[in-house]
N, C-alpha and C. Protein backbone atom coordinates (compact mmCIF):
# COMPACT_ATOMS: atom_id res chain seq x y z
N MET A 1 106.01 123.18 94.08
CA MET A 1 104.98 122.26 93.86
C MET A 1 104.04 122.93 94.51
N THR A 2 102.67 123.24 93.84
CA THR A 2 101.71 123.89 95.00
C THR A 2 101.18 123.21 95.62
N THR A 3 100.85 123.11 97.43
CA THR A 3 100.56 122.70 98.44
C THR A 3 98.81 122.42 98.16
N ALA A 4 98.63 121.10 98.22
CA ALA A 4 97.22 121.07 97.86
C ALA A 4 96.84 120.36 99.59
N ALA A 5 95.16 120.65 99.21
CA ALA A 5 94.60 120.27 100.85
C ALA A 5 94.90 119.08 101.21
N PRO A 6 95.06 119.06 102.84
CA PRO A 6 94.76 117.47 103.05
C PRO A 6 93.84 117.27 103.08
N ALA A 7 94.08 115.46 102.65
CA ALA A 7 93.27 114.56 102.08
C ALA A 7 92.01 114.46 103.14
N ARG A 8 90.57 113.49 102.54
CA ARG A 8 90.00 113.27 103.84
C ARG A 8 90.04 111.73 103.36
N PRO A 9 89.41 110.96 104.46
CA PRO A 9 89.38 109.81 104.39
C PRO A 9 88.66 109.96 103.27
N GLY A 10 88.49 108.89 102.20
CA GLY A 10 87.69 108.61 101.00
C GLY A 10 87.95 109.32 99.90
N GLU A 11 88.40 110.74 99.85
CA GLU A 11 88.41 111.61 99.07
C GLU A 11 89.90 111.46 98.45
N ASN A 12 89.33 111.25 96.83
CA ASN A 12 90.68 110.96 95.70
C ASN A 12 92.04 109.78 96.77
N THR A 13 91.45 109.13 97.30
CA THR A 13 91.95 108.01 98.09
C THR A 13 92.14 106.93 97.56
N PRO A 14 93.24 106.28 96.49
CA PRO A 14 93.31 105.07 95.44
C PRO A 14 92.84 103.85 96.48
N SER A 15 92.40 103.11 95.80
CA SER A 15 91.91 102.09 96.52
C SER A 15 92.77 101.21 97.17
N ALA A 16 93.06 101.33 98.36
CA ALA A 16 93.98 99.95 98.95
C ALA A 16 93.76 98.85 98.42
N ARG A 17 92.88 98.42 99.08
CA ARG A 17 92.73 96.75 97.87
C ARG A 17 92.90 96.75 96.65
N GLY A 18 92.36 97.45 95.91
CA GLY A 18 92.95 97.29 94.01
C GLY A 18 94.34 97.27 93.84
N ALA A 19 94.94 97.85 95.06
CA ALA A 19 96.56 97.96 94.93
C ALA A 19 96.73 96.43 95.25
N GLY A 20 96.29 95.73 95.95
CA GLY A 20 96.45 94.08 97.04
C GLY A 20 96.50 93.59 95.68
N VAL A 21 95.65 93.91 95.17
CA VAL A 21 95.25 93.13 93.30
C VAL A 21 96.07 93.25 92.48
N GLY A 22 96.34 94.11 92.30
CA GLY A 22 97.56 94.84 91.31
C GLY A 22 98.91 93.93 91.74
N ARG A 23 98.97 93.99 92.87
CA ARG A 23 100.50 93.44 93.57
C ARG A 23 100.10 91.89 92.99
N GLY A 24 99.25 91.21 93.09
CA GLY A 24 99.31 89.53 92.92
C GLY A 24 99.08 89.70 91.66
N ILE A 25 98.28 90.17 90.21
CA ILE A 25 98.80 90.27 89.21
C ILE A 25 99.82 90.86 88.88
N GLY A 26 100.83 91.62 89.40
CA GLY A 26 102.17 91.41 89.40
C GLY A 26 103.06 90.77 89.80
N ILE A 27 103.05 89.80 90.69
CA ILE A 27 103.46 88.72 91.29
C ILE A 27 103.49 87.37 90.19
N GLY A 28 102.00 87.30 89.69
CA GLY A 28 102.00 86.58 88.08
C GLY A 28 102.31 86.44 87.24
N LEU A 29 102.73 88.32 87.19
CA LEU A 29 103.02 88.32 85.46
C LEU A 29 104.44 88.03 85.59
N MET A 30 104.70 88.52 86.79
CA MET A 30 106.53 88.93 86.57
C MET A 30 107.69 87.59 86.72
N TYR A 31 107.35 86.58 87.76
CA TYR A 31 107.34 85.66 88.11
C TYR A 31 106.89 84.27 87.41
N GLY A 32 106.21 84.86 86.11
CA GLY A 32 105.57 83.93 85.10
C GLY A 32 106.77 83.81 83.95
N LEU A 33 106.69 84.92 83.78
CA LEU A 33 107.48 85.15 82.10
C LEU A 33 108.81 85.62 82.45
N TRP A 34 109.42 86.34 84.10
CA TRP A 34 110.34 86.94 83.65
C TRP A 34 111.19 86.02 85.23
N ARG A 35 112.37 86.00 85.39
CA ARG A 35 112.74 85.72 86.90
C ARG A 35 113.53 86.63 87.43
N PRO A 36 112.85 87.49 88.08
CA PRO A 36 113.08 88.40 89.02
C PRO A 36 114.04 87.84 90.25
N ARG A 37 115.01 88.70 90.63
CA ARG A 37 115.64 88.52 91.60
C ARG A 37 115.34 89.59 92.24
N VAL A 38 115.32 89.54 93.55
CA VAL A 38 114.78 90.25 94.26
C VAL A 38 116.04 90.75 95.70
N LEU A 39 116.15 91.59 96.07
CA LEU A 39 117.24 91.75 96.98
C LEU A 39 116.98 92.83 97.82
N GLY A 40 117.17 92.94 99.19
CA GLY A 40 116.70 94.11 100.01
C GLY A 40 115.35 94.10 100.13
N ALA A 41 114.57 93.29 100.04
CA ALA A 41 113.30 93.96 100.47
C ALA A 41 112.69 94.18 102.01
N TRP A 42 113.75 93.52 102.80
CA TRP A 42 113.28 93.58 103.93
C TRP A 42 113.54 94.93 104.61
N ARG A 43 114.09 95.76 103.65
CA ARG A 43 114.55 97.27 103.92
C ARG A 43 113.26 97.89 104.09
N VAL A 44 112.27 97.57 103.32
CA VAL A 44 110.95 98.44 102.94
C VAL A 44 110.22 97.98 104.67
N PRO A 45 110.13 99.18 105.11
CA PRO A 45 109.04 99.36 106.26
C PRO A 45 108.07 98.68 106.23
N SER A 46 107.64 97.94 106.95
CA SER A 46 106.36 96.67 107.13
C SER A 46 104.91 97.88 107.34
N THR A 47 105.00 98.46 108.13
CA THR A 47 104.09 98.97 108.38
C THR A 47 104.69 101.33 108.27
N GLY A 48 103.26 101.70 108.35
CA GLY A 48 103.75 103.30 107.52
C GLY A 48 103.57 104.00 106.43
N PRO A 49 104.05 105.06 106.22
CA PRO A 49 104.05 105.93 105.07
C PRO A 49 105.39 105.11 104.61
N VAL A 50 105.21 104.75 103.27
CA VAL A 50 106.92 104.84 102.54
C VAL A 50 106.88 104.98 100.96
N ILE A 51 107.85 106.26 100.76
CA ILE A 51 107.71 106.41 99.58
C ILE A 51 109.04 105.43 98.71
N LEU A 52 108.80 104.96 97.06
CA LEU A 52 109.80 104.12 96.40
C LEU A 52 110.12 104.94 95.17
N ALA A 53 110.98 105.45 95.43
CA ALA A 53 111.94 105.83 94.33
C ALA A 53 112.55 104.72 93.45
N VAL A 54 111.98 105.16 92.21
CA VAL A 54 112.42 103.89 91.02
C VAL A 54 113.42 104.42 89.74
N ASN A 55 114.49 103.87 89.90
CA ASN A 55 115.11 104.52 88.21
C ASN A 55 114.21 103.80 87.00
N HIS A 56 114.48 104.24 85.92
CA HIS A 56 113.13 103.97 85.31
C HIS A 56 113.99 104.08 83.53
N THR A 57 114.25 102.69 83.30
CA THR A 57 114.25 102.77 82.17
C THR A 57 113.62 101.80 80.74
N HIS A 58 112.36 101.12 81.39
CA HIS A 58 111.69 100.26 80.54
C HIS A 58 109.84 100.77 81.11
N ILE A 59 108.81 100.17 80.29
CA ILE A 59 107.86 100.39 80.16
C ILE A 59 107.35 99.33 81.39
N LEU A 60 108.25 98.26 81.68
CA LEU A 60 107.92 97.24 82.72
C LEU A 60 108.55 97.13 83.84
N ASP A 61 108.87 98.50 84.49
CA ASP A 61 109.75 98.74 85.64
C ASP A 61 108.16 98.73 86.31
N GLY A 62 107.36 99.82 86.39
CA GLY A 62 106.22 99.14 87.54
C GLY A 62 105.78 98.63 87.76
N PRO A 63 104.73 97.32 86.53
CA PRO A 63 104.75 96.26 87.21
C PRO A 63 105.77 95.29 87.66
N MET A 64 107.08 95.49 87.51
CA MET A 64 107.87 94.28 88.00
C MET A 64 108.03 94.94 89.14
N LEU A 65 107.93 96.48 89.41
CA LEU A 65 108.19 96.61 90.83
C LEU A 65 106.52 96.30 92.01
N MET A 66 105.45 96.36 91.43
CA MET A 66 104.71 95.92 91.86
C MET A 66 104.69 94.56 92.06
N GLY A 67 105.08 93.46 91.66
CA GLY A 67 104.85 92.19 91.28
C GLY A 67 106.38 91.64 92.76
N THR A 68 107.25 92.60 92.89
CA THR A 68 108.27 92.31 94.09
C THR A 68 108.34 93.12 95.11
N ALA A 69 108.01 94.22 94.75
CA ALA A 69 107.24 94.68 96.58
C ALA A 69 106.95 93.91 97.71
N PRO A 70 107.47 94.07 99.19
CA PRO A 70 106.63 93.46 99.89
C PRO A 70 105.45 94.03 100.37
N ARG A 71 105.10 95.35 99.66
CA ARG A 71 103.96 95.81 99.66
C ARG A 71 103.43 96.66 98.99
N PRO A 72 101.74 96.65 98.50
CA PRO A 72 101.14 96.88 97.73
C PRO A 72 101.31 98.11 97.39
N VAL A 73 101.79 98.39 95.59
CA VAL A 73 102.49 99.86 95.37
C VAL A 73 101.23 100.53 94.87
N HIS A 74 101.04 102.03 95.31
CA HIS A 74 100.27 102.91 94.27
C HIS A 74 101.25 104.11 93.91
N PHE A 75 101.53 103.67 92.56
CA PHE A 75 101.91 104.37 91.24
C PHE A 75 101.71 105.24 90.75
N LEU A 76 102.49 106.80 90.83
CA LEU A 76 102.32 108.16 89.78
C LEU A 76 102.17 108.06 88.34
N ILE A 77 101.30 107.61 87.93
CA ILE A 77 101.54 106.91 86.17
C ILE A 77 101.57 108.22 85.16
N LYS A 78 101.92 108.27 84.38
CA LYS A 78 101.58 109.84 83.04
C LYS A 78 100.09 109.41 82.82
N LYS A 79 99.53 110.39 82.42
CA LYS A 79 97.97 110.60 81.87
C LYS A 79 97.93 109.43 80.61
N GLU A 80 99.42 109.79 80.09
CA GLU A 80 99.03 108.97 78.39
C GLU A 80 98.94 108.04 78.73
N ALA A 81 99.43 106.73 79.54
CA ALA A 81 98.94 105.27 79.73
C ALA A 81 97.18 105.53 80.34
N PHE A 82 96.74 106.13 80.62
CA PHE A 82 95.08 105.52 81.11
C PHE A 82 94.25 105.98 79.44
N ILE A 83 94.47 104.74 78.82
CA ILE A 83 93.81 105.13 77.58
C ILE A 83 92.79 104.01 77.24
N GLY A 84 92.00 104.21 76.60
CA GLY A 84 90.77 102.82 76.58
C GLY A 84 90.62 102.27 77.72
N PRO A 85 90.51 101.07 77.49
CA PRO A 85 90.30 99.63 78.97
C PRO A 85 91.13 99.98 79.86
N LEU A 86 92.65 100.54 79.61
CA LEU A 86 93.71 100.61 80.58
C LEU A 86 93.05 101.63 81.71
N ASP A 87 92.18 102.45 81.41
CA ASP A 87 92.10 103.57 82.30
C ASP A 87 91.48 102.98 83.73
N PRO A 88 90.33 102.42 83.50
CA PRO A 88 89.56 101.48 84.56
C PRO A 88 90.29 100.89 85.29
N PHE A 89 90.77 99.62 84.37
CA PHE A 89 91.88 98.43 85.13
C PHE A 89 92.77 99.49 85.96
N LEU A 90 93.79 100.14 85.56
CA LEU A 90 94.58 101.15 86.14
C LEU A 90 93.93 101.68 87.68
N ARG A 91 92.94 102.62 87.26
CA ARG A 91 92.39 103.34 88.44
C ARG A 91 91.94 102.31 89.17
N GLY A 92 91.64 100.86 88.90
CA GLY A 92 90.80 99.77 89.32
C GLY A 92 91.59 99.32 91.07
N ILE A 93 93.60 99.36 90.09
CA ILE A 93 94.08 98.33 90.97
C ILE A 93 95.26 99.66 91.79
N GLY A 94 94.61 100.69 91.52
CA GLY A 94 94.53 102.01 92.88
C GLY A 94 95.77 102.96 92.31
N GLN A 95 95.97 102.61 91.50
CA GLN A 95 96.85 103.35 90.41
C GLN A 95 96.46 104.48 90.17
N LEU A 96 97.63 106.28 90.33
CA LEU A 96 97.15 107.51 89.92
C LEU A 96 97.45 107.30 88.62
N LYS A 97 96.54 109.01 88.30
CA LYS A 97 96.88 109.38 86.74
C LYS A 97 97.42 110.29 87.49
N VAL A 98 98.46 111.17 86.58
CA VAL A 98 99.26 112.33 86.59
C VAL A 98 99.51 113.12 85.40
N ASP A 99 99.23 114.55 85.18
CA ASP A 99 99.16 114.89 83.96
C ASP A 99 101.06 115.90 84.31
N ARG A 100 101.62 115.28 83.71
CA ARG A 100 102.81 115.92 83.95
C ARG A 100 103.73 117.51 83.53
N SER A 101 102.43 117.83 82.71
CA SER A 101 102.74 119.30 81.47
C SER A 101 102.54 120.32 83.01
N GLY A 102 102.32 120.73 84.00
CA GLY A 102 102.03 121.06 85.11
C GLY A 102 101.53 120.23 86.47
N THR A 103 101.19 121.44 87.21
CA THR A 103 100.98 120.57 88.83
C THR A 103 99.42 120.09 89.02
N ASP A 104 99.44 119.20 88.87
CA ASP A 104 98.03 118.45 88.70
C ASP A 104 96.99 117.92 90.18
N ARG A 105 96.65 118.69 90.72
CA ARG A 105 96.06 118.94 91.92
C ARG A 105 95.12 117.65 92.54
N THR A 106 94.72 116.81 91.43
CA THR A 106 94.40 115.57 91.45
C THR A 106 95.15 114.94 92.17
N ALA A 107 96.07 114.78 91.41
CA ALA A 107 97.16 113.46 91.33
C ALA A 107 98.01 114.13 92.91
N VAL A 108 98.03 114.99 93.01
CA VAL A 108 98.86 115.61 94.12
C VAL A 108 98.19 115.12 96.14
N THR A 109 96.50 115.37 95.54
CA THR A 109 96.10 114.95 96.42
C THR A 109 96.10 113.44 96.99
N GLY A 110 95.74 112.67 95.72
CA GLY A 110 95.57 111.16 96.00
C GLY A 110 96.69 110.61 96.44
N ALA A 111 98.37 110.89 95.60
CA ALA A 111 99.24 110.73 96.20
C ALA A 111 99.81 111.21 97.82
N LEU A 112 99.15 112.27 98.52
CA LEU A 112 99.30 112.77 99.70
C LEU A 112 98.30 111.61 101.06
N ALA A 113 97.22 111.61 100.04
CA ALA A 113 96.07 110.73 100.75
C ALA A 113 96.75 109.07 100.88
N VAL A 114 97.32 108.59 100.09
CA VAL A 114 98.34 107.15 100.07
C VAL A 114 98.89 107.25 101.09
N LEU A 115 99.55 108.22 101.55
CA LEU A 115 101.01 108.45 102.30
C LEU A 115 100.21 108.45 103.85
N GLU A 116 99.28 109.34 103.76
CA GLU A 116 98.25 110.09 104.93
C GLU A 116 98.11 108.53 105.54
N HIS A 117 97.53 107.49 104.45
CA HIS A 117 96.56 106.21 105.09
C HIS A 117 97.60 105.64 105.18
N ASP A 118 98.96 105.54 105.32
CA ASP A 118 100.02 104.80 105.62
C ASP A 118 100.41 104.01 104.52
N GLY A 119 100.28 104.45 103.22
CA GLY A 119 100.39 103.12 102.16
C GLY A 119 101.75 103.15 101.60
N VAL A 120 102.31 102.88 100.54
CA VAL A 120 103.89 103.03 99.71
C VAL A 120 102.95 103.83 97.84
N LEU A 121 104.11 104.64 97.93
CA LEU A 121 103.65 105.52 97.03
C LEU A 121 104.82 105.27 95.92
N GLY A 122 104.91 104.98 94.46
CA GLY A 122 105.81 104.46 94.09
C GLY A 122 106.17 105.70 92.81
N ILE A 123 107.16 105.96 93.45
CA ILE A 123 107.48 107.27 92.06
C ILE A 123 108.74 107.25 91.14
N PHE A 124 108.97 107.34 89.88
CA PHE A 124 109.58 107.45 89.16
C PHE A 124 110.27 108.67 89.22
N PRO A 125 111.09 109.59 90.30
CA PRO A 125 111.62 110.77 89.83
C PRO A 125 112.10 111.28 88.67
N GLU A 126 112.75 110.58 87.95
CA GLU A 126 113.27 111.02 86.62
C GLU A 126 112.02 111.50 86.03
N GLY A 127 111.29 111.32 86.18
CA GLY A 127 109.58 111.90 85.76
C GLY A 127 109.15 110.92 84.46
N SER A 128 110.51 109.89 83.77
CA SER A 128 109.98 109.30 82.25
C SER A 128 111.01 108.75 82.43
N ARG A 129 110.69 107.28 81.21
CA ARG A 129 111.93 106.40 80.65
C ARG A 129 113.29 106.96 80.25
N GLY A 130 114.59 106.64 80.43
CA GLY A 130 115.70 106.98 80.00
C GLY A 130 116.51 106.90 80.71
N GLU A 131 117.53 107.49 80.70
CA GLU A 131 119.04 106.45 81.12
C GLU A 131 119.24 105.83 82.13
N GLY A 132 117.76 105.98 83.48
CA GLY A 132 117.83 105.56 84.77
C GLY A 132 118.94 105.53 85.52
N ASP A 133 119.94 106.84 85.27
CA ASP A 133 120.67 106.97 86.54
C ASP A 133 120.29 107.71 87.25
N PHE A 134 119.41 108.73 87.88
CA PHE A 134 118.66 109.62 88.58
C PHE A 134 119.64 110.89 88.21
N ALA A 135 120.07 110.91 86.86
CA ALA A 135 120.59 112.15 86.74
C ALA A 135 120.17 113.42 86.90
N SER A 136 118.82 113.52 86.58
CA SER A 136 118.11 114.57 86.60
C SER A 136 116.20 113.66 87.05
N LEU A 137 116.09 114.81 88.58
CA LEU A 137 115.03 114.79 89.28
C LEU A 137 114.45 115.47 89.36
N ARG A 138 112.48 115.85 89.71
CA ARG A 138 111.73 116.46 89.48
C ARG A 138 111.59 116.62 91.09
N ALA A 139 110.94 117.79 91.53
CA ALA A 139 111.15 118.03 92.69
C ALA A 139 109.72 117.37 93.25
N GLY A 140 109.06 116.68 92.61
CA GLY A 140 107.95 116.40 93.38
C GLY A 140 108.13 115.50 94.73
N LEU A 141 109.15 114.44 94.63
CA LEU A 141 109.61 113.54 95.07
C LEU A 141 109.32 114.17 96.33
N ALA A 142 110.39 115.33 96.53
CA ALA A 142 110.95 115.45 97.56
C ALA A 142 110.11 116.53 98.24
N TYR A 143 108.69 117.06 97.48
CA TYR A 143 107.62 117.67 98.29
C TYR A 143 106.78 116.62 99.18
N PHE A 144 106.79 115.45 98.42
CA PHE A 144 106.21 114.09 99.07
C PHE A 144 106.58 114.25 100.47
N ALA A 145 107.89 113.64 100.52
CA ALA A 145 108.79 113.35 101.46
C ALA A 145 108.96 114.54 102.28
N VAL A 146 108.79 115.52 101.74
CA VAL A 146 109.39 116.32 103.08
C VAL A 146 107.89 116.94 104.14
N ARG A 147 106.73 116.95 103.04
CA ARG A 147 105.72 117.30 103.55
C ARG A 147 104.92 116.25 104.29
N THR A 148 105.12 114.91 104.27
CA THR A 148 104.65 113.78 104.97
C THR A 148 105.58 113.27 106.19
N GLY A 149 106.78 113.34 105.92
CA GLY A 149 107.85 112.48 106.88
C GLY A 149 108.00 111.30 106.59
N ALA A 150 106.95 110.86 105.43
CA ALA A 150 107.18 109.28 104.80
C ALA A 150 108.87 109.17 104.33
N PRO A 151 109.33 107.95 104.49
CA PRO A 151 110.57 107.69 104.49
C PRO A 151 110.88 107.18 102.96
N VAL A 152 112.21 107.59 102.64
CA VAL A 152 112.10 107.32 100.70
C VAL A 152 113.02 105.62 100.89
N VAL A 153 112.58 105.15 100.42
CA VAL A 153 113.85 103.95 99.91
C VAL A 153 113.91 103.44 98.19
N PRO A 154 114.85 103.64 98.21
CA PRO A 154 115.71 104.09 96.87
C PRO A 154 115.19 101.91 96.13
N VAL A 155 115.13 102.19 95.31
CA VAL A 155 115.36 101.28 93.84
C VAL A 155 115.67 101.25 93.21
N ALA A 156 116.57 100.30 92.52
CA ALA A 156 117.36 99.80 91.48
C ALA A 156 116.98 99.09 90.62
N MET A 157 116.39 98.83 89.08
CA MET A 157 115.53 98.09 88.50
C MET A 157 116.87 97.78 87.46
N LEU A 158 117.40 96.69 87.33
CA LEU A 158 118.55 96.60 86.71
C LEU A 158 118.10 95.26 85.81
N GLY A 159 118.09 95.52 83.97
CA GLY A 159 118.08 94.23 83.75
C GLY A 159 116.93 94.27 82.56
N SER A 160 116.20 95.30 82.73
CA SER A 160 114.67 94.84 81.86
C SER A 160 115.02 95.57 80.77
N ASP A 161 116.17 96.90 80.82
CA ASP A 161 116.31 97.35 79.49
C ASP A 161 117.64 96.35 78.40
N GLU A 162 117.69 94.87 78.73
CA GLU A 162 118.63 94.66 78.08
C GLU A 162 117.91 93.97 76.83
N ARG A 163 118.43 94.02 75.45
CA ARG A 163 118.21 93.85 74.49
C ARG A 163 118.44 92.02 74.00
N PRO A 164 119.77 92.07 74.35
CA PRO A 164 120.02 90.53 73.20
C PRO A 164 118.91 89.43 73.72
N GLY A 165 118.69 88.58 73.33
CA GLY A 165 117.93 87.94 73.29
C GLY A 165 116.27 88.32 73.20
N ARG A 166 115.63 88.96 72.76
CA ARG A 166 114.48 89.49 72.53
C ARG A 166 113.89 88.64 71.62
N LEU A 167 112.59 88.10 72.04
CA LEU A 167 111.76 88.06 71.06
C LEU A 167 110.55 88.86 70.88
N ILE A 168 110.24 89.90 71.47
CA ILE A 168 109.88 91.14 70.99
C ILE A 168 110.17 91.99 71.72
N SER A 169 110.23 93.46 70.78
CA SER A 169 111.42 94.29 71.06
C SER A 169 111.01 95.14 72.36
N ALA A 170 109.65 95.14 72.39
CA ALA A 170 109.93 95.93 73.17
C ALA A 170 109.81 95.40 74.74
N LEU A 171 109.65 94.13 75.30
CA LEU A 171 109.76 93.38 76.60
C LEU A 171 111.14 92.40 76.66
N PRO A 172 111.55 92.78 77.86
CA PRO A 172 112.69 91.82 78.31
C PRO A 172 112.74 90.59 78.05
N ARG A 173 114.02 89.85 77.68
CA ARG A 173 113.63 88.68 77.21
C ARG A 173 113.06 87.42 78.27
N LEU A 174 112.31 86.83 77.65
CA LEU A 174 111.19 85.97 78.33
C LEU A 174 112.35 85.07 79.11
N ARG A 175 111.26 84.93 80.23
CA ARG A 175 112.96 84.05 81.46
C ARG A 175 114.09 85.00 81.71
N GLY A 176 114.26 85.91 81.40
CA GLY A 176 115.62 86.48 81.33
C GLY A 176 115.28 87.01 83.45
N ARG A 177 116.87 87.50 83.49
CA ARG A 177 116.57 87.44 84.82
C ARG A 177 116.98 89.07 84.86
N VAL A 178 116.03 89.84 85.85
CA VAL A 178 115.91 91.07 86.18
C VAL A 178 115.82 91.35 87.56
N ASP A 179 117.04 91.85 88.09
CA ASP A 179 117.23 92.66 89.39
C ASP A 179 116.44 94.21 89.82
N VAL A 180 116.02 93.56 91.31
CA VAL A 180 115.42 94.71 91.86
C VAL A 180 115.93 94.14 93.31
N VAL A 181 116.59 95.71 92.90
CA VAL A 181 117.38 96.17 94.96
C VAL A 181 117.06 96.83 95.36
N PHE A 182 116.08 96.75 96.90
CA PHE A 182 115.88 98.10 97.66
C PHE A 182 116.97 98.87 98.72
N GLY A 183 116.99 99.26 98.42
CA GLY A 183 118.09 100.27 99.97
C GLY A 183 117.72 100.95 101.03
N ASP A 184 118.54 101.45 101.82
CA ASP A 184 118.05 101.97 103.13
C ASP A 184 117.29 102.56 103.12
N ALA A 185 116.07 102.72 103.94
CA ALA A 185 115.17 103.93 104.18
C ALA A 185 115.99 105.13 104.85
N PHE A 186 115.26 105.98 104.42
CA PHE A 186 116.06 107.50 104.69
C PHE A 186 115.17 108.95 104.36
N GLN A 187 115.23 109.57 105.69
CA GLN A 187 114.85 110.87 105.84
C GLN A 187 115.32 111.99 104.24
N ALA A 188 114.30 112.27 103.70
CA ALA A 188 114.43 113.30 102.41
C ALA A 188 114.81 114.60 103.22
N GLY A 189 114.18 115.20 104.45
CA GLY A 189 114.40 116.67 104.89
C GLY A 189 115.30 116.77 105.98
N ASP A 190 115.47 118.03 106.61
CA ASP A 190 117.11 118.20 107.37
C ASP A 190 116.49 118.13 108.73
N GLY A 191 115.28 117.55 109.02
CA GLY A 191 114.17 117.71 110.43
C GLY A 191 114.29 118.91 110.80
N SER A 192 113.95 120.41 109.54
CA SER A 192 113.92 121.47 110.51
C SER A 192 112.23 121.64 110.00
N GLY A 193 111.59 120.36 109.30
CA GLY A 193 109.98 120.79 108.75
C GLY A 193 110.19 121.68 108.35
N ARG A 194 110.84 122.63 107.34
CA ARG A 194 110.80 123.78 106.80
C ARG A 194 110.14 123.15 104.79
N ARG A 195 109.59 123.71 104.79
CA ARG A 195 108.66 123.30 103.35
C ARG A 195 109.06 124.43 102.41
N THR A 196 109.56 125.15 102.42
CA THR A 196 110.44 126.15 101.40
C THR A 196 111.12 125.62 99.89
N ARG A 197 110.73 126.28 98.88
CA ARG A 197 111.51 126.07 97.83
C ARG A 197 112.78 125.93 97.89
N THR A 198 113.65 126.58 99.01
CA THR A 198 115.19 126.35 98.88
C THR A 198 115.47 124.86 100.02
N ALA A 199 114.35 124.78 101.03
CA ALA A 199 114.67 123.30 101.36
C ALA A 199 114.09 121.99 100.40
N LEU A 200 113.40 122.34 99.91
CA LEU A 200 112.65 121.26 98.60
C LEU A 200 113.86 121.44 97.85
N ASP A 201 114.65 122.20 97.51
CA ASP A 201 115.67 121.98 96.45
C ASP A 201 116.73 121.74 97.21
N GLU A 202 117.39 121.95 98.81
CA GLU A 202 118.07 121.04 99.68
C GLU A 202 117.72 119.81 99.25
N ALA A 203 116.63 119.38 99.59
CA ALA A 203 115.72 117.97 100.15
C ALA A 203 115.83 117.22 98.53
N THR A 204 115.64 117.65 97.26
CA THR A 204 116.16 117.00 95.71
C THR A 204 117.31 116.80 95.58
N THR A 205 118.13 117.90 96.23
CA THR A 205 119.83 117.30 95.92
C THR A 205 120.00 116.13 97.05
N ARG A 206 119.80 116.37 97.65
CA ARG A 206 119.93 115.35 98.82
C ARG A 206 119.20 113.40 98.26
N ILE A 207 118.00 113.47 98.10
CA ILE A 207 117.88 112.53 97.34
C ILE A 207 118.17 111.91 96.56
N GLN A 208 118.86 112.54 94.99
CA GLN A 208 119.18 112.50 94.16
C GLN A 208 120.92 111.67 94.65
N GLU A 209 121.72 112.66 95.68
CA GLU A 209 122.84 111.52 96.10
C GLU A 209 122.67 110.46 96.51
N ARG A 210 121.63 110.43 97.08
CA ARG A 210 121.29 109.27 98.10
C ARG A 210 120.81 107.74 96.96
N LEU A 211 120.17 107.94 95.88
CA LEU A 211 119.52 107.50 94.96
C LEU A 211 121.03 107.08 94.29
N ARG A 212 121.34 107.87 93.50
CA ARG A 212 122.77 107.54 93.04
C ARG A 212 123.72 106.77 93.67
N VAL A 213 124.42 106.84 94.32
CA VAL A 213 124.96 105.92 95.32
C VAL A 213 124.28 104.41 95.41
N HIS A 214 123.73 104.27 95.58
CA HIS A 214 122.36 103.53 95.79
C HIS A 214 122.52 102.53 94.28
N LEU A 215 122.22 103.43 93.49
CA LEU A 215 122.12 102.49 91.54
C LEU A 215 123.80 102.13 92.11
N GLU A 216 124.86 102.80 92.26
CA GLU A 216 126.20 102.27 91.81
C GLU A 216 126.13 100.91 92.69
N ASN A 217 125.81 101.05 93.90
CA ASN A 217 126.22 99.95 94.65
C ASN A 217 125.15 98.72 94.17
N ALA A 218 123.74 98.85 93.81
CA ALA A 218 123.29 97.81 93.32
C ALA A 218 123.71 97.02 92.17
N ARG A 219 124.65 98.09 90.87
CA ARG A 219 125.43 97.52 90.43
C ARG A 219 126.27 96.42 90.96
N ARG A 220 127.20 96.96 91.23
CA ARG A 220 128.44 96.52 91.82
C ARG A 220 127.58 95.03 92.45
N LEU A 221 127.20 95.14 93.25
CA LEU A 221 126.42 93.87 94.00
C LEU A 221 125.84 92.51 93.11
N THR A 222 125.22 93.40 91.65
CA THR A 222 124.24 92.35 90.92
C THR A 222 125.52 92.14 90.09
N GLY A 223 126.77 92.42 89.48
CA GLY A 223 127.12 92.63 88.71
C GLY A 223 127.10 93.11 87.71
N ARG A 224 125.96 94.16 87.28
CA ARG A 224 125.31 94.32 85.80
C ARG A 224 126.48 95.75 85.49
N ALA A 225 126.46 96.14 84.78
CA ALA A 225 127.55 97.12 83.94
C ALA A 225 126.89 98.64 84.07
N GLY A 226 127.66 99.43 84.58
CA GLY A 226 126.94 100.58 84.30
C GLY A 226 126.58 100.88 83.21
């Protein structure tokens, strides 16, 4: 990923207050319609920059995490979601639009600004919804983690894609249980401070293994089938 210039205060910085509003909306929506079971939220550092790396199987994974994470989250969200009235709404609650077809400098600068201002950045490292098993990761997560030194906290979202009992096919079963399991924070870099392509590739491999192990542990902890 191409290096972007350091963000200055106020420049391309998503609204921290807006993210707080988004968290409030997420709490009301998720706890009103479903029954989230949140495990390990205390593992998210209470201050400083943090990256939440989340597996992705359902459209509600982002809002679910916004409503269950202990701190407001700024997500990198594909630009296709920013349509019509959703565009000003998502921007207003501090979310970041990203063009996944190439290096989106505006999104990169905004994400770095979140971390440089001690915020929480949410990333779906698989890039899009799929099996949610972290089998394929994009390099963006490693870039942000290595460049800023922000710790990575793995998050397993389990149950949002279960189909039995749904009234609306696109949504999880109303009042159904969804498990959100936070793992231990870790450093993606090797401590050398290197940001070469090799260093980022090694960091990506390191991240993938930590996320895979966390997902396996989360499934055992919650009794969810793999």
